[in-house]
Structures are given as C-alpha cells and as structure tokens.
PDB file of N, CA and C in Angstrom:
ATOM      1  N   UNK A   1     140.791  71.518 199.304  1.00  0.00           N
ATOM      2  CA  UNK A   1     141.988  70.856 200.440  1.00  0.00           C
ATOM      3  C   UNK A   1     143.211  69.869 199.372  1.00  0.00           C
ATOM      4  N   UNK A   2     143.225  70.329 198.286  1.00  0.00           N
ATOM      5  CA  UNK A   2     144.530  69.940 197.338  1.00  0.00           C
ATOM      6  C   UNK A   2     145.014  70.407 196.714  1.00  0.00           C
ATOM      7  N   UNK A   3     144.382  72.066 196.482  1.00  0.00           N
ATOM      8  CA  UNK A   3     145.383  73.352 196.495  1.00  0.00           C
ATOM      9  C   UNK A   3     145.965  73.527 197.673  1.00  0.00           C
ATOM     10  N   UNK A   4     145.748  73.262 199.043  1.00  0.00           N
ATOM     11  CA  UNK A   4     146.432  73.213 200.414  1.00  0.00           C
ATOM     12  C   UNK A   4     147.390  72.609 200.589  1.00  0.00           C
ATOM     13  N   UNK A   5     146.892  71.355 199.929  1.00  0.00           N
ATOM     14  CA  UNK A   5     148.135  70.348 200.230  1.00  0.00           C
ATOM     15  C   UNK A   5     149.168  70.728 199.322  1.00  0.00           C
ATOM     16  N   UNK A   6     148.661  70.982 198.013  1.00  0.00           N
ATOM     17  CA  UNK A   6     149.656  71.161 197.209  1.00  0.00           C
ATOM     18  C   UNK A   6     150.922  72.855 197.606  1.00  0.00           C
ATOM     19  N   UNK A   7     149.844  73.471 197.850  1.00  0.00           N
ATOM     20  CA  UNK A   7     151.056  74.591 198.439  1.00  0.00           C
ATOM     21  C   UNK A   7     151.739  74.428 199.969  1.00  0.00           C
ATOM     22  N   UNK A   8     151.755  73.302 200.692  1.00  0.00           N
ATOM     23  CA  UNK A   8     152.051  73.527 201.682  1.00  0.00           C
ATOM     24  C   UNK A   8     153.456  71.669 201.694  1.00  0.00           C
ATOM     25  N   UNK A   9     153.008  71.252 200.686  1.00  0.00           N
ATOM     26  CA  UNK A   9     154.090  69.984 200.616  1.00  0.00           C
ATOM     27  C   UNK A   9     154.587  69.567 198.951  1.00  0.00           C
ATOM     28  N   UNK A  10     154.179  70.706 198.655  1.00  0.00           N
ATOM     29  CA  UNK A  10     155.156  70.925 197.264  1.00  0.00           C
ATOM     30  C   UNK A  10     155.850  72.967 197.135  1.00  0.00           C
ATOM     31  N   UNK A  11     154.754  73.378 196.867  1.00  0.00           N
ATOM     32  CA  UNK A  11     155.232  75.166 196.419  1.00  0.00           C
ATOM     33  C   UNK A  11     156.087  75.502 197.482  1.00  0.00           C
ATOM     34  N   UNK A  12     155.126  74.626 199.297  1.00  0.00           N
ATOM     35  CA  UNK A  12     155.652  75.160 200.549  1.00  0.00           C
ATOM     36  C   UNK A  12     155.368  76.266 201.353  1.00  0.00           C
ATOM     37  N   UNK A  13     154.332  77.118 200.025  1.00  0.00           N
ATOM     38  CA  UNK A  13     153.840  78.485 200.771  1.00  0.00           C
ATOM     39  C   UNK A  13     152.977  78.365 202.133  1.00  0.00           C
ATOM     40  N   UNK A  14     152.552  78.170 202.436  1.00  0.00           N
ATOM     41  CA  UNK A  14     152.985  77.963 204.215  1.00  0.00           C
ATOM     42  C   UNK A  14     153.305  77.423 205.025  1.00  0.00           C
ATOM     43  N   UNK A  15     153.395  77.530 206.100  1.00  0.00           N
ATOM     44  CA  UNK A  15     154.042  77.117 207.148  1.00  0.00           C
ATOM     45  C   UNK A  15     152.853  75.784 207.421  1.00  0.00           C
ATOM     46  N   UNK A  16     153.794  74.753 208.525  1.00  0.00           N
ATOM     47  CA  UNK A  16     153.460  73.341 209.055  1.00  0.00           C
ATOM     48  C   UNK A  16     152.099  73.621 209.678  1.00  0.00           C
ATOM     49  N   UNK A  17     151.555  74.957 210.800  1.00  0.00           N
ATOM     50  CA  UNK A  17     151.128  75.681 211.564  1.00  0.00           C
ATOM     51  C   UNK A  17     150.335  75.507 210.745  1.00  0.00           C
ATOM     52  N   UNK A  18     149.632  76.538 209.882  1.00  0.00           N
ATOM     53  CA  UNK A  18     148.678  77.141 209.062  1.00  0.00           C
ATOM     54  C   UNK A  18     148.348  76.164 207.482  1.00  0.00           C
ATOM     55  N   UNK A  19     148.909  75.384 207.385  1.00  0.00           N
ATOM     56  CA  UNK A  19     148.770  74.060 207.082  1.00  0.00           C
ATOM     57  C   UNK A  19     147.510  74.014 207.934  1.00  0.00           C
ATOM     58  N   UNK A  20     148.257  72.418 208.759  1.00  0.00           N
ATOM     59  CA  UNK A  20     146.785  72.043 210.209  1.00  0.00           C
ATOM     60  C   UNK A  20     145.698  72.853 210.212  1.00  0.00           C
ATOM     61  N   UNK A  21     145.425  74.834 210.428  1.00  0.00           N
ATOM     62  CA  UNK A  21     144.670  75.499 210.559  1.00  0.00           C
ATOM     63  C   UNK A  21     144.158  75.390 209.509  1.00  0.00           C
ATOM     64  N   UNK A  22     144.059  75.204 208.510  1.00  0.00           N
ATOM     65  CA  UNK A  22     142.727  75.732 206.711  1.00  0.00           C
ATOM     66  C   UNK A  22     142.839  74.229 207.662  1.00  0.00           C
ATOM     67  N   UNK A  23     143.270  72.732 206.668  1.00  0.00           N
ATOM     68  CA  UNK A  23     142.778  71.626 207.157  1.00  0.00           C
ATOM     69  C   UNK A  23     141.442  71.276 207.799  1.00  0.00           C
ATOM     70  N   UNK A  24     141.925  71.721 209.042  1.00  0.00           N
ATOM     71  CA  UNK A  24     141.337  71.579 210.389  1.00  0.00           C
ATOM     72  C   UNK A  24     139.357  72.361 209.899  1.00  0.00           C
ATOM     73  N   UNK A  25     139.847  73.779 209.697  1.00  0.00           N
ATOM     74  CA  UNK A  25     138.805  73.971 208.741  1.00  0.00           C
ATOM     75  C   UNK A  25     138.209  73.778 207.943  1.00  0.00           C
ATOM     76  N   UNK A  26     139.201  73.428 206.428  1.00  0.00           N
ATOM     77  CA  UNK A  26     138.161  73.207 205.182  1.00  0.00           C
ATOM     78  C   UNK A  26     137.721  71.635 205.916  1.00  0.00           C
ATOM     79  N   UNK A  27     137.866  70.849 206.776  1.00  0.00           N
ATOM     80  CA  UNK A  27     137.690  69.545 207.030  1.00  0.00           C
ATOM     81  C   UNK A  27     136.189  69.666 208.261  1.00  0.00           C
ATOM     82  N   UNK A  28     136.033  70.630 208.550  1.00  0.00           N
ATOM     83  CA  UNK A  28     134.141  71.085 209.142  1.00  0.00           C
ATOM     84  C   UNK A  28     133.703  71.117 208.263  1.00  0.00           C
ATOM     85  N   UNK A  29     133.975  72.547 207.997  1.00  0.00           N
ATOM     86  CA  UNK A  29     133.156  72.573 206.330  1.00  0.00           C
ATOM     87  C   UNK A  29     132.880  70.874 205.642  1.00  0.00           C
ATOM     88  N   UNK A  30     133.272  70.740 205.166  1.00  0.00           N
ATOM     89  CA  UNK A  30     132.890  69.748 204.630  1.00  0.00           C
ATOM     90  C   UNK A  30     132.300  68.903 205.058  1.00  0.00           C
ATOM     91  N   UNK A  31     133.272  68.002 206.460  1.00  0.00           N
ATOM     92  CA  UNK A  31     131.760  67.832 206.706  1.00  0.00           C
ATOM     93  C   UNK A  31     130.362  68.034 206.954  1.00  0.00           C
ATOM     94  N   UNK A  32     130.139  68.738 207.600  1.00  0.00           N
ATOM     95  CA  UNK A  32     129.000  69.933 207.842  1.00  0.00           C
ATOM     96  C   UNK A  32     127.961  70.545 206.381  1.00  0.00           C
ATOM     97  N   UNK A  33     128.882  69.943 205.637  1.00  0.00           N
ATOM     98  CA  UNK A  33     128.071  70.184 203.626  1.00  0.00           C
ATOM     99  C   UNK A  33     128.074  68.655 203.316  1.00  0.00           C
ATOM    100  N   UNK A  34     128.384  67.888 203.793  1.00  0.00           N
ATOM    101  CA  UNK A  34     127.860  66.586 203.713  1.00  0.00           C
ATOM    102  C   UNK A  34     126.612  65.523 204.793  1.00  0.00           C
ATOM    103  N   UNK A  35     126.775  66.235 205.227  1.00  0.00           N
ATOM    104  CA  UNK A  35     125.351  65.869 206.482  1.00  0.00           C
ATOM    105  C   UNK A  35     124.217  66.653 205.788  1.00  0.00           C
ATOM    106  N   UNK A  36     124.204  67.887 205.391  1.00  0.00           N
ATOM    107  CA  UNK A  36     123.346  68.752 204.542  1.00  0.00           C
ATOM    108  C   UNK A  36     122.833  68.636 203.744  1.00  0.00           C
ATOM    109  N   UNK A  37     123.395  67.845 202.980  1.00  0.00           N
ATOM    110  CA  UNK A  37     123.602  67.213 201.100  1.00  0.00           C
ATOM    111  C   UNK A  37     122.320  65.725 202.042  1.00  0.00           C
ATOM    112  N   UNK A  38     123.165  64.576 203.174  1.00  0.00           N
ATOM    113  CA  UNK A  38     123.020  63.732 203.271  1.00  0.00           C
ATOM    114  C   UNK A  38     121.068  63.915 203.763  1.00  0.00           C
ATOM    115  N   UNK A  39     121.200  65.323 204.410  1.00  0.00           N
ATOM    116  CA  UNK A  39     119.297  64.963 205.137  1.00  0.00           C
ATOM    117  C   UNK A  39     118.589  65.392 204.024  1.00  0.00           C
ATOM    118  N   UNK A  40     119.332  66.574 203.271  1.00  0.00           N
ATOM    119  CA  UNK A  40     118.338  66.838 201.669  1.00  0.00           C
ATOM    120  C   UNK A  40     117.926  65.605 200.697  1.00  0.00           C
ATOM    121  N   UNK A  41     119.141  64.759 200.951  1.00  0.00           N
ATOM    122  CA  UNK A  41     118.619  63.728 199.363  1.00  0.00           C
ATOM    123  C   UNK A  41     117.927  62.690 200.526  1.00  0.00           C
ATOM    124  N   UNK A  42     117.678  62.495 201.775  1.00  0.00           N
ATOM    125  CA  UNK A  42     116.902  61.256 202.402  1.00  0.00           C
ATOM    126  C   UNK A  42     114.937  62.291 202.389  1.00  0.00           C
ATOM    127  N   UNK A  43     115.191  63.029 202.470  1.00  0.00           N
ATOM    128  CA  UNK A  43     114.203  64.380 202.347  1.00  0.00           C
ATOM    129  C   UNK A  43     113.904  63.550 201.094  1.00  0.00           C
ATOM    130  N   UNK A  44     114.414  63.920 199.928  1.00  0.00           N
ATOM    131  CA  UNK A  44     114.299  64.460 198.978  1.00  0.00           C
ATOM    132  C   UNK A  44     113.489  62.265 198.003  1.00  0.00           C
ATOM    133  N   UNK A  45     113.807  61.728 198.729  1.00  0.00           N
ATOM    134  CA  UNK A  45     113.322  60.304 198.897  1.00  0.00           C
ATOM    135  C   UNK A  45     112.423  60.161 199.200  1.00  0.00           C
ATOM    136  N   UNK A  46     111.594  61.072 200.501  1.00  0.00           N
ATOM    137  CA  UNK A  46     110.816  60.309 200.681  1.00  0.00           C
ATOM    138  C   UNK A  46     110.033  61.609 200.972  1.00  0.00           C
ATOM    139  N   UNK A  47     109.941  63.090 199.656  1.00  0.00           N
ATOM    140  CA  UNK A  47     109.124  63.811 199.350  1.00  0.00           C
ATOM    141  C   UNK A  47     108.032  63.368 198.769  1.00  0.00           C
ATOM    142  N   UNK A  48     108.034  62.035 197.562  1.00  0.00           N
ATOM    143  CA  UNK A  48     107.067  61.763 196.893  1.00  0.00           C
ATOM    144  C   UNK A  48     105.751  60.700 197.570  1.00  0.00           C
ATOM    145  N   UNK A  49     106.451  60.575 198.909  1.00  0.00           N
ATOM    146  CA  UNK A  49     105.591  59.421 199.755  1.00  0.00           C
ATOM    147  C   UNK A  49     104.287  59.859 200.773  1.00  0.00           C
ATOM    148  N   UNK A  50     104.712  61.511 201.094  1.00  0.00           N
ATOM    149  CA  UNK A  50     103.916  61.708 202.040  1.00  0.00           C
ATOM    150  C   UNK A  50     102.405  61.850 201.654  1.00  0.00           C
ATOM    151  N   UNK A  51     102.546  61.321 202.448  1.00  0.00           N
ATOM    152  CA  UNK A  51     100.063  60.835 202.805  1.00  0.00           C
ATOM    153  C   UNK A  51      99.782  60.048 201.869  1.00  0.00           C
ATOM    154  N   UNK A  52     101.171  58.717 201.108  1.00  0.00           N
ATOM    155  CA  UNK A  52     101.051  58.024 199.849  1.00  0.00           C
ATOM    156  C   UNK A  52     101.831  57.034 200.015  1.00  0.00           C
ATOM    157  N   UNK A  53     101.660  55.991 201.952  1.00  0.00           N
ATOM    158  CA  UNK A  53     102.237  54.894 202.398  1.00  0.00           C
ATOM    159  C   UNK A  53     101.686  53.604 201.801  1.00  0.00           C
ATOM    160  N   UNK A  54     100.647  53.566 200.501  1.00  0.00           N
ATOM    161  CA  UNK A  54     100.523  52.344 200.222  1.00  0.00           C
ATOM    162  C   UNK A  54     101.589  52.755 198.754  1.00  0.00           C
ATOM    163  N   UNK A  55     101.510  53.665 198.203  1.00  0.00           N
ATOM    164  CA  UNK A  55     102.558  53.774 197.109  1.00  0.00           C
ATOM    165  C   UNK A  55     103.840  53.131 197.265  1.00  0.00           C
ATOM    166  N   UNK A  56     104.481  53.740 198.132  1.00  0.00           N
ATOM    167  CA  UNK A  56     105.615  53.302 199.361  1.00  0.00           C
ATOM    168  C   UNK A  56     105.841  51.903 199.067  1.00  0.00           C
ATOM    169  N   UNK A  57     105.060  50.747 199.410  1.00  0.00           N
ATOM    170  CA  UNK A  57     104.257  49.469 199.824  1.00  0.00           C
ATOM    171  C   UNK A  57     104.592  48.615 197.868  1.00  0.00           C
ATOM    172  N   UNK A  58     103.936  50.254 197.496  1.00  0.00           N
ATOM    173  CA  UNK A  58     104.057  49.419 195.946  1.00  0.00           C
ATOM    174  C   UNK A  58     105.684  49.294 195.136  1.00  0.00           C
ATOM    175  N   UNK A  59     106.243  50.666 195.745  1.00  0.00           N
ATOM    176  CA  UNK A  59     107.148  50.938 194.656  1.00  0.00           C
ATOM    177  C   UNK A  59     108.417  50.265 195.822  1.00  0.00           C
ATOM    178  N   UNK A  60     108.588  49.188 197.272  1.00  0.00           N
ATOM    179  CA  UNK A  60     109.325  48.748 197.006  1.00  0.00           C
ATOM    180  C   UNK A  60     110.328  47.635 196.871  1.00  0.00           C
ATOM    181  N   UNK A  61     108.937  46.616 196.396  1.00  0.00           N
ATOM    182  CA  UNK A  61     109.031  45.238 195.491  1.00  0.00           C
ATOM    183  C   UNK A  61     110.178  45.194 194.056  1.00  0.00           C
ATOM    184  N   UNK A  62     109.687  46.582 193.741  1.00  0.00           N
ATOM    185  CA  UNK A  62     110.817  46.567 192.195  1.00  0.00           C
ATOM    186  C   UNK A  62     112.022  47.515 192.165  1.00  0.00           C
ATOM    187  N   UNK A  63     111.801  48.011 193.734  1.00  0.00           N
ATOM    188  CA  UNK A  63     113.074  48.926 193.804  1.00  0.00           C
ATOM    189  C   UNK A  63     114.955  48.843 194.271  1.00  0.00           C
ATOM    190  N   UNK A  64     115.264  49.901 193.470  1.00  0.00           N
ATOM    191  CA  UNK A  64     116.637  49.038 193.602  1.00  0.00           C
ATOM    192  C   UNK A  64     116.980  48.850 195.186  1.00  0.00           C
ATOM    193  N   UNK A  65     118.328  48.405 195.816  1.00  0.00           N
ATOM    194  CA  UNK A  65     118.877  48.264 197.035  1.00  0.00           C
ATOM    195  C   UNK A  65     118.888  49.575 197.484  1.00  0.00           C
ATOM    196  N   UNK A  66     119.641  50.489 196.766  1.00  0.00           N
ATOM    197  CA  UNK A  66     120.288  51.951 197.125  1.00  0.00           C
ATOM    198  C   UNK A  66     118.989  52.791 197.308  1.00  0.00           C
ATOM    199  N   UNK A  67     118.440  52.422 196.739  1.00  0.00           N
ATOM    200  CA  UNK A  67     116.663  53.687 196.614  1.00  0.00           C
ATOM    201  C   UNK A  67     116.175  52.683 197.912  1.00  0.00           C
ATOM    202  N   UNK A  68     116.372  51.429 198.202  1.00  0.00           N
ATOM    203  CA  UNK A  68     115.816  50.930 200.047  1.00  0.00           C
ATOM    204  C   UNK A  68     115.717  51.188 200.943  1.00  0.00           C
ATOM    205  N   UNK A  69     117.302  51.454 200.657  1.00  0.00           N
ATOM    206  CA  UNK A  69     118.457  52.180 201.580  1.00  0.00           C
ATOM    207  C   UNK A  69     118.337  53.718 201.753  1.00  0.00           C
ATOM    208  N   UNK A  70     118.530  54.710 200.823  1.00  0.00           N
ATOM    209  CA  UNK A  70     118.086  55.330 201.323  1.00  0.00           C
ATOM    210  C   UNK A  70     116.798  56.205 202.172  1.00  0.00           C
ATOM    211  N   UNK A  71     115.698  55.219 202.112  1.00  0.00           N
ATOM    212  CA  UNK A  71     113.945  54.953 202.449  1.00  0.00           C
ATOM    213  C   UNK A  71     114.570  54.996 204.188  1.00  0.00           C
ATOM    214  N   UNK A  72     115.158  53.694 204.557  1.00  0.00           N
ATOM    215  CA  UNK A  72     114.949  53.432 205.196  1.00  0.00           C
ATOM    216  C   UNK A  72     116.085  54.230 206.055  1.00  0.00           C
ATOM    217  N   UNK A  73     117.147  54.718 205.365  1.00  0.00           N
ATOM    218  CA  UNK A  73     118.403  55.779 206.198  1.00  0.00           C
ATOM    219  C   UNK A  73     116.997  57.362 206.954  1.00  0.00           C
ATOM    220  N   UNK A  74     116.566  57.284 205.267  1.00  0.00           N
ATOM    221  CA  UNK A  74     115.369  58.488 205.534  1.00  0.00           C
ATOM    222  C   UNK A  74     114.851  58.153 207.214  1.00  0.00           C
ATOM    223  N   UNK A  75     114.511  57.066 207.740  1.00  0.00           N
ATOM    224  CA  UNK A  75     113.243  57.502 208.962  1.00  0.00           C
ATOM    225  C   UNK A  75     113.671  56.744 209.606  1.00  0.00           C
ATOM    226  N   UNK A  76     114.925  55.452 209.667  1.00  0.00           N
ATOM    227  CA  UNK A  76     115.610  55.361 211.437  1.00  0.00           C
ATOM    228  C   UNK A  76     116.600  56.103 211.736  1.00  0.00           C
ATOM    229  N   UNK A  77     116.288  56.798 212.137  1.00  0.00           N
ATOM    230  CA  UNK A  77     118.446  57.127 212.966  1.00  0.00           C
ATOM    231  C   UNK A  77     118.590  55.924 213.413  1.00  0.00           C
ATOM    232  N   UNK A  78     118.344  54.602 214.251  1.00  0.00           N
ATOM    233  CA  UNK A  78     119.094  53.519 214.351  1.00  0.00           C
ATOM    234  C   UNK A  78     118.718  52.550 214.458  1.00  0.00           C
ATOM    235  N   UNK A  79     119.163  51.621 214.973  1.00  0.00           N
ATOM    236  CA  UNK A  79     118.652  49.951 214.944  1.00  0.00           C
ATOM    237  C   UNK A  79     118.776  49.373 216.751  1.00  0.00           C
ATOM    238  N   UNK A  80     118.396  49.376 217.727  1.00  0.00           N
ATOM    239  CA  UNK A  80     119.193  48.422 219.388  1.00  0.00           C
ATOM    240  C   UNK A  80     118.625  48.007 219.360  1.00  0.00           C
ATOM    241  N   UNK A  81     119.941  46.724 220.013  1.00  0.00           N
ATOM    242  CA  UNK A  81     119.510  45.369 219.725  1.00  0.00           C
ATOM    243  C   UNK A  81     120.004  44.848 221.367  1.00  0.00           C
ATOM    244  N   UNK A  82     118.827  44.466 221.754  1.00  0.00           N
ATOM    245  CA  UNK A  82     118.671  44.312 223.370  1.00  0.00           C
ATOM    246  C   UNK A  82     119.875  43.061 224.058  1.00  0.00           C
ATOM    247  N   UNK A  83     120.680  42.953 224.822  1.00  0.00           N
ATOM    248  CA  UNK A  83     121.299  41.918 225.372  1.00  0.00           C
ATOM    249  C   UNK A  83     120.609  40.833 225.292  1.00  0.00           C
ATOM    250  N   UNK A  84     120.549  39.254 224.899  1.00  0.00           N
ATOM    251  CA  UNK A  84     119.569  37.875 225.418  1.00  0.00           C
ATOM    252  C   UNK A  84     119.495  38.001 227.377  1.00  0.00           C
ATOM    253  N   UNK A  85     118.582  37.692 227.444  1.00  0.00           N
ATOM    254  CA  UNK A  85     117.950  37.673 228.720  1.00  0.00           C
ATOM    255  C   UNK A  85     118.221  36.320 228.523  1.00  0.00           C
ATOM    256  N   UNK A  86     118.598  35.413 227.994  1.00  0.00           N
ATOM    257  CA  UNK A  86     118.518  33.394 227.875  1.00  0.00           C
ATOM    258  C   UNK A  86     119.325  32.686 227.338  1.00  0.00           C
ATOM    259  N   UNK A  87     119.929  32.183 227.923  1.00  0.00           N
ATOM    260  CA  UNK A  87     120.988  31.137 226.791  1.00  0.00           C
ATOM    261  C   UNK A  87     120.055  29.952 226.215  1.00  0.00           C
ATOM    262  N   UNK A  88     120.304  30.641 224.607  1.00  0.00           N
ATOM    263  CA  UNK A  88     118.819  30.486 223.713  1.00  0.00           C
ATOM    264  C   UNK A  88     119.733  29.554 222.281  1.00  0.00           C
ATOM    265  N   UNK A  89     119.588  28.782 221.806  1.00  0.00           N
ATOM    266  CA  UNK A  89     120.029  28.512 220.604  1.00  0.00           C
ATOM    267  C   UNK A  89     119.157  29.155 219.054  1.00  0.00           C
ATOM    268  N   UNK A  90     117.981  29.983 219.486  1.00  0.00           N
ATOM    269  CA  UNK A  90     117.547  30.500 219.053  1.00  0.00           C
ATOM    270  C   UNK A  90     118.183  31.571 217.832  1.00  0.00           C
ATOM    271  N   UNK A  91     117.979  31.755 217.067  1.00  0.00           N
ATOM    272  CA  UNK A  91     119.130  32.172 215.403  1.00  0.00           C
ATOM    273  C   UNK A  91     118.422  33.726 215.849  1.00  0.00           C
ATOM    274  N   UNK A  92     117.408  34.402 215.824  1.00  0.00           N
ATOM    275  CA  UNK A  92     116.721  35.514 215.779  1.00  0.00           C
ATOM    276  C   UNK A  92     115.488  35.584 216.870  1.00  0.00           C
ATOM    277  N   UNK A  93     115.790  36.788 217.476  1.00  0.00           N
ATOM    278  CA  UNK A  93     114.175  36.648 218.259  1.00  0.00           C
ATOM    279  C   UNK A  93     113.631  38.153 218.194  1.00  0.00           C
ATOM    280  N   UNK A  94     112.243  38.618 217.669  1.00  0.00           N
ATOM    281  CA  UNK A  94     112.867  40.090 216.950  1.00  0.00           C
ATOM    282  C   UNK A  94     111.614  40.361 218.567  1.00  0.00           C
ATOM    283  N   UNK A  95     111.999  40.529 219.054  1.00  0.00           N
ATOM    284  CA  UNK A  95     111.703  41.491 221.149  1.00  0.00           C
ATOM    285  C   UNK A  95     112.511  42.226 221.178  1.00  0.00           C
ATOM    286  N   UNK A  96     113.686  41.471 220.815  1.00  0.00           N
ATOM    287  CA  UNK A  96     115.635  41.783 221.278  1.00  0.00           C
ATOM    288  C   UNK A  96     115.248  43.131 220.182  1.00  0.00           C
ATOM    289  N   UNK A  97     114.616  43.689 218.861  1.00  0.00           N
ATOM    290  CA  UNK A  97     114.503  44.755 218.284  1.00  0.00           C
ATOM    291  C   UNK A  97     114.254  45.916 218.621  1.00  0.00           C
ATOM    292  N   UNK A  98     114.824  46.928 218.592  1.00  0.00           N
ATOM    293  CA  UNK A  98     113.456  48.080 218.899  1.00  0.00           C
ATOM    294  C   UNK A  98     114.294  49.876 217.414  1.00  0.00           C
ATOM    295  N   UNK A  99     113.513  49.763 217.333  1.00  0.00           N
ATOM    296  CA  UNK A  99     114.104  50.705 216.009  1.00  0.00           C
ATOM    297  C   UNK A  99     113.771  51.953 216.896  1.00  0.00           C
ATOM    298  N   UNK A 100     114.999  53.058 216.378  1.00  0.00           N
ATOM    299  CA  UNK A 100     114.482  54.697 216.971  1.00  0.00           C
ATOM    300  C   UNK A 100     114.488  55.755 215.524  1.00  0.00           C
ATOM    301  N   UNK A 101     112.692  56.264 215.129  1.00  0.00           N
ATOM    302  CA  UNK A 101     112.809  56.218 214.552  1.00  0.00           C
ATOM    303  C   UNK A 101     113.085  58.045 214.819  1.00  0.00           C
ATOM    304  N   UNK A 102     113.086  58.377 213.197  1.00  0.00           N
ATOM    305  CA  UNK A 102     113.759  60.321 213.280  1.00  0.00           C
ATOM    306  C   UNK A 102     112.135  60.844 213.578  1.00  0.00           C
ATOM    307  N   UNK A 103     112.222  62.366 213.794  1.00  0.00           N
ATOM    308  CA  UNK A 103     111.399  62.725 214.156  1.00  0.00           C
ATOM    309  C   UNK A 103     111.493  64.150 212.940  1.00  0.00           C
TER     310      UNK A 103
END
C-alpha cells in the first residue's frame, strides 16, 4: 500500500483509476489475510485446552486480560441482549443475555 501510494502521489506513475483499482484489490487481500490470522490465533489459544476444561478453569484466574479476551473471542460469535420486558430498576437481568457460540 505504501509503494502504491508513493507511485500515485509522489512519482505519479499510475493513474487515478489504476490507483483506486489496485488499492481496492490490496485492501480486500489484507482484510482476508487478517481474518485468516485471527481465526488461526483463536484456534491456537484453545488448542492447548481441548479435552482439558479443568486446566482452562485453573489458568483463568492468573491469566492476563489479553489471554482471556482471546479465549472468549475463540468461543463466542457474539452476545445478544434482549429488550427489557418491563420497566424495572434492576441494573442487570441475566435472563436477557444470550450467548451465540461459535461452532
């Protein structure tokens, strides 16, 4: 991307159309590769705990926030919060929380 920007802005070796076409292509490739890396990293974090849930529970207490975040990201697709059904002053209703697990 840096070389492409230099060729367009500084050296003026490529046209505006060529620049945007190449940038679009490179951006798609970068996004795809970032997604692949993210998936691989999530699997790598969990690999050491396959079939060893007790080890994961034991490691959780001393683990860093980044490590915990990687574990949660590997297991959960997203979390959905249902709308409140009644006006209440309860600050938190766990029945409204629905985890969507990765398969």
